[in-house]
Amino acid sequence: MEFITRMNLSGTAIKELPSSIRYLVSLQYLELYESENLSHLPSSIYELQHLQHFDLWDCPKLVTFPNKVMPENESEGNLALPELCVLNMDRCNLSESAFLGNLDCLSTLETLNLSGGNFASLPECISKFVNLWQLSLHGCERLPEIPELPQKLRYVGLGGCISLEGDFLRAAGCLSTLESIDLSGGNFVSLPECISKFVKLKHLSLAGCKRLEEIPELPPKVKHVRASGCISLERFSKLSNILERKESKMIKSLNLSNCWRLCDNLAHMVEKKYTLVNDQAALFSLCLSSQKSKFGVIFPGSEVPRWFSSRTDLSAPSGKCEVCVEITEMLENDGLALWATFHQNTQNKSYDESIFFEAEICINEKYIGKAKTTFYGSLEIETAHVWLYYIPDLSRIEIDDELLPCMCRVSFTCESSLAFKSAGVHPILRDEDSIHSDDDSDDSIHSDEDSDD
């Protein structure tokens, strides 16, 4: 048995692991996940000196980790799981987390998943796992705050931690390393004040935060924000700044599905500055204000604006559609806006962890490339929504001036759980400074401010 390096007892009826596990001295991988009757681990588990991966997820009767009791005849230098890299106890209903203080893998543990735990606090020793980069605490509903965390942490999952309120990340530290935070399903009204201090943050998930009213200033490197289902959201600092021309770089991927209040407020904000707009035009004006970066966004909406250069309405919902538009010039800063109205395909509903939209672009029947946005998390919508994608600087496409004007064909595709209703393509001309209305009596509404602003 000394040569066994992997043992898989997942999905079995085992109720407890025998203490003789200590004799598997070379064991590196131990898998006990989905063992619904497992309720006890022996203290001898700590004696596995070479164990690296310990998978215990979905063992609902396992509520405690054993106390550390080392045999008297063992040398004082014997350590507890000193080489452990991955510990996954997702959905184990742990009643406490103090057992982490028994572990001697302070320099080796990289991934720790305690999601679904029933504990009310994390031990202070959590910060001593110096190489921990991924910490998952999803669904730890009794957890009211987060202590100091390891300084190399890059991801922390706090989705469904409904007791977190106030500035609950103030003690977390890891300001210079954290790249992704999942706060989905939270019960807070506002984000922690310290959120702007995570200087390397790129991904922020706020899906289903139904009480959240405002998204304040975010760190400058944030590229992906998932705010789907934030039904109380009224203000988003980044979008307001772009609409007011205070910023010009849009978030690369933004999911605002079911954020009706926010979209209405953005429309009202632009209405104060422009004579007449609707919510679609307000969101589309992001294209005009954010000419330096490409982005994809989902938001509530219906038809393609009538003033789009080219549009098509489908006779029946489909996962594919095609739009052609003539491009007369390709100047620096000229861009291209892609618009697709879609709804959920109830006959083929998906619960995948991501959805995608894609647009294949051909110019004069020559394939140029694809525009694609992947939105992480399942999508639940009851009404029509819009996928808007903006491509900046068409001058990067190598087309001889002799071939202009040219025909641009865009082929839209979405996954089977969604269906397109209509689509449109519209070139954004350099220095364009107008927001259009769907009202036929007024083709364009210009800003009251000078175009140089």
Foldseek 3Di string as FASTA:
>chain_A
DCPDAEDAPALHQDQEDDLCVLSNQNHAYYHHANNQNHAYYDLSQQQNQRHAEYHHAPNQNHAEYDDNDDDPPDDPPRAGNQQYAEDAHANNQHAAACCVVRHNVLARHAEYEPALYQYAAHDPCQQSSQNHAYYEHAQNQNHAAHAAHHLQHAEYEHHNNANHEEQRCPHHHNLAHHAEYEHALYAYQEYHPCQQSSQNHAYYEHHHNCNHAEAADHHPNHQEYHHANNQNHAYYHVLLCLLVLVDQADRAEEEHHNNVNNLQNLLVSVVVFWVDAHSVLSVVCNCVSHLPDKHKYKYDDADDQPLAQWKDFDPDWAQKDKIKHWDFDQDFSKKKKKKWKKDFDPVDADFDQKWKKKKFKDKQNHTDGMDMDIGGGGDDHDHIMMMMIMGTRSVVGDDDNVCGRIMMMIMMGIDPRMTTRMMGMHMHDPLDAWGAHSPPVGGTIGGPDDSVD
